[in-house]
Amino acid sequence: MRIGNTEVRPVGGGPGCLAMILFSIVASVVLTLLLNAGLALF
């Protein structure tokens, strides 16, 4: 899986695992904000 110019490997040891966790947290926050914005518009 690629994020920008960075190759992310979940099984790539500590840094890869940490990157996956950070990515999932950011994705969750973004989805929540989009959902709230969508509900506010309708």
N, C-alpha and C. Protein backbone atom coordinates (compact mmCIF):
# COMPACT_ATOMS: atom_id res chain seq x y z
N MET A 1 0.84 -1.19 0.00
CA MET A 1 0.00 0.00 0.00
C MET A 1 0.88 1.25 0.00
N ARG A 2 0.51 2.23 -0.80
CA ARG A 2 1.33 3.44 -0.89
C ARG A 2 0.55 4.64 -0.39
N ILE A 3 1.20 5.47 0.43
CA ILE A 3 0.63 6.74 0.86
C ILE A 3 1.59 7.82 0.40
N GLY A 4 1.21 8.55 -0.65
CA GLY A 4 2.12 9.55 -1.21
C GLY A 4 3.34 8.86 -1.78
N ASN A 5 4.52 9.23 -1.32
CA ASN A 5 5.76 8.62 -1.80
C ASN A 5 6.26 7.54 -0.86
N THR A 6 5.47 7.23 0.17
CA THR A 6 5.94 6.31 1.20
C THR A 6 5.31 4.94 1.02
N GLU A 7 6.14 3.92 0.98
CA GLU A 7 5.65 2.55 0.91
C GLU A 7 5.38 2.06 2.32
N VAL A 8 4.14 1.62 2.56
CA VAL A 8 3.76 1.19 3.91
C VAL A 8 3.58 -0.32 3.92
N ARG A 9 4.33 -1.00 4.80
CA ARG A 9 4.18 -2.44 4.94
C ARG A 9 3.77 -2.74 6.38
N PRO A 10 2.55 -3.26 6.59
CA PRO A 10 2.08 -3.55 7.95
C PRO A 10 2.99 -4.52 8.69
N VAL A 11 3.64 -5.44 7.94
CA VAL A 11 4.50 -6.43 8.58
C VAL A 11 5.95 -5.99 8.57
N GLY A 12 6.18 -4.69 8.32
CA GLY A 12 7.55 -4.18 8.20
C GLY A 12 8.16 -3.78 9.53
N GLY A 13 7.72 -4.40 10.62
CA GLY A 13 8.30 -4.08 11.92
C GLY A 13 7.62 -2.87 12.57
N GLY A 14 8.30 -2.24 13.52
CA GLY A 14 7.74 -1.14 14.30
C GLY A 14 7.25 0.04 13.48
N PRO A 15 8.11 0.62 12.62
CA PRO A 15 7.69 1.80 11.85
C PRO A 15 6.48 1.54 10.97
N GLY A 16 6.43 0.38 10.32
CA GLY A 16 5.30 0.06 9.46
C GLY A 16 4.02 -0.06 10.26
N CYS A 17 4.10 -0.73 11.40
CA CYS A 17 2.94 -0.90 12.27
C CYS A 17 2.46 0.45 12.77
N LEU A 18 3.38 1.29 13.19
CA LEU A 18 3.03 2.62 13.70
C LEU A 18 2.38 3.45 12.61
N ALA A 19 2.91 3.36 11.38
CA ALA A 19 2.35 4.11 10.26
C ALA A 19 0.92 3.66 9.98
N MET A 20 0.66 2.35 10.04
CA MET A 20 -0.68 1.84 9.81
C MET A 20 -1.64 2.35 10.86
N ILE A 21 -1.21 2.37 12.12
CA ILE A 21 -2.06 2.84 13.21
C ILE A 21 -2.37 4.33 13.02
N LEU A 22 -1.34 5.12 12.73
CA LEU A 22 -1.55 6.56 12.52
C LEU A 22 -2.47 6.80 11.34
N PHE A 23 -2.28 6.04 10.25
CA PHE A 23 -3.12 6.21 9.07
C PHE A 23 -4.58 5.89 9.38
N SER A 24 -4.82 4.82 10.15
CA SER A 24 -6.19 4.45 10.48
C SER A 24 -6.85 5.50 11.37
N ILE A 25 -6.07 6.08 12.30
CA ILE A 25 -6.61 7.13 13.16
C ILE A 25 -6.99 8.36 12.34
N VAL A 26 -6.09 8.78 11.45
CA VAL A 26 -6.36 9.94 10.60
C VAL A 26 -7.58 9.68 9.71
N ALA A 27 -7.66 8.48 9.13
CA ALA A 27 -8.79 8.14 8.28
C ALA A 27 -10.10 8.20 9.06
N SER A 28 -10.09 7.71 10.30
CA SER A 28 -11.29 7.73 11.13
C SER A 28 -11.74 9.16 11.41
N VAL A 29 -10.79 10.03 11.74
CA VAL A 29 -11.12 11.43 12.03
C VAL A 29 -11.70 12.11 10.79
N VAL A 30 -11.08 11.88 9.63
CA VAL A 30 -11.55 12.49 8.39
C VAL A 30 -12.96 12.01 8.05
N LEU A 31 -13.20 10.71 8.18
CA LEU A 31 -14.53 10.18 7.89
C LEU A 31 -15.57 10.75 8.84
N THR A 32 -15.22 10.89 10.11
CA THR A 32 -16.14 11.46 11.09
C THR A 32 -16.48 12.90 10.74
N LEU A 33 -15.47 13.68 10.38
CA LEU A 33 -15.71 15.08 10.01
C LEU A 33 -16.58 15.17 8.76
N LEU A 34 -16.32 14.32 7.77
CA LEU A 34 -17.13 14.32 6.55
C LEU A 34 -18.57 13.93 6.86
N LEU A 35 -18.75 12.95 7.72
CA LEU A 35 -20.09 12.51 8.08
C LEU A 35 -20.85 13.63 8.79
N ASN A 36 -20.19 14.30 9.74
CA ASN A 36 -20.82 15.41 10.45
C ASN A 36 -21.17 16.55 9.51
N ALA A 37 -20.28 16.86 8.57
CA ALA A 37 -20.54 17.92 7.59
C ALA A 37 -21.73 17.54 6.72
N GLY A 38 -21.79 16.27 6.31
CA GLY A 38 -22.90 15.80 5.48
C GLY A 38 -24.22 15.89 6.21
N LEU A 39 -24.23 15.50 7.49
CA LEU A 39 -25.46 15.57 8.27
C LEU A 39 -25.89 17.01 8.50
N ALA A 40 -24.92 17.91 8.66
CA ALA A 40 -25.24 19.31 8.89
C ALA A 40 -25.85 19.94 7.64
N LEU A 41 -25.45 19.47 6.46
CA LEU A 41 -25.96 20.05 5.22
C LEU A 41 -27.39 19.62 4.93
N PHE A 42 -27.75 18.42 5.36
CA PHE A 42 -29.08 17.92 5.01
C PHE A 42 -30.08 18.17 6.12
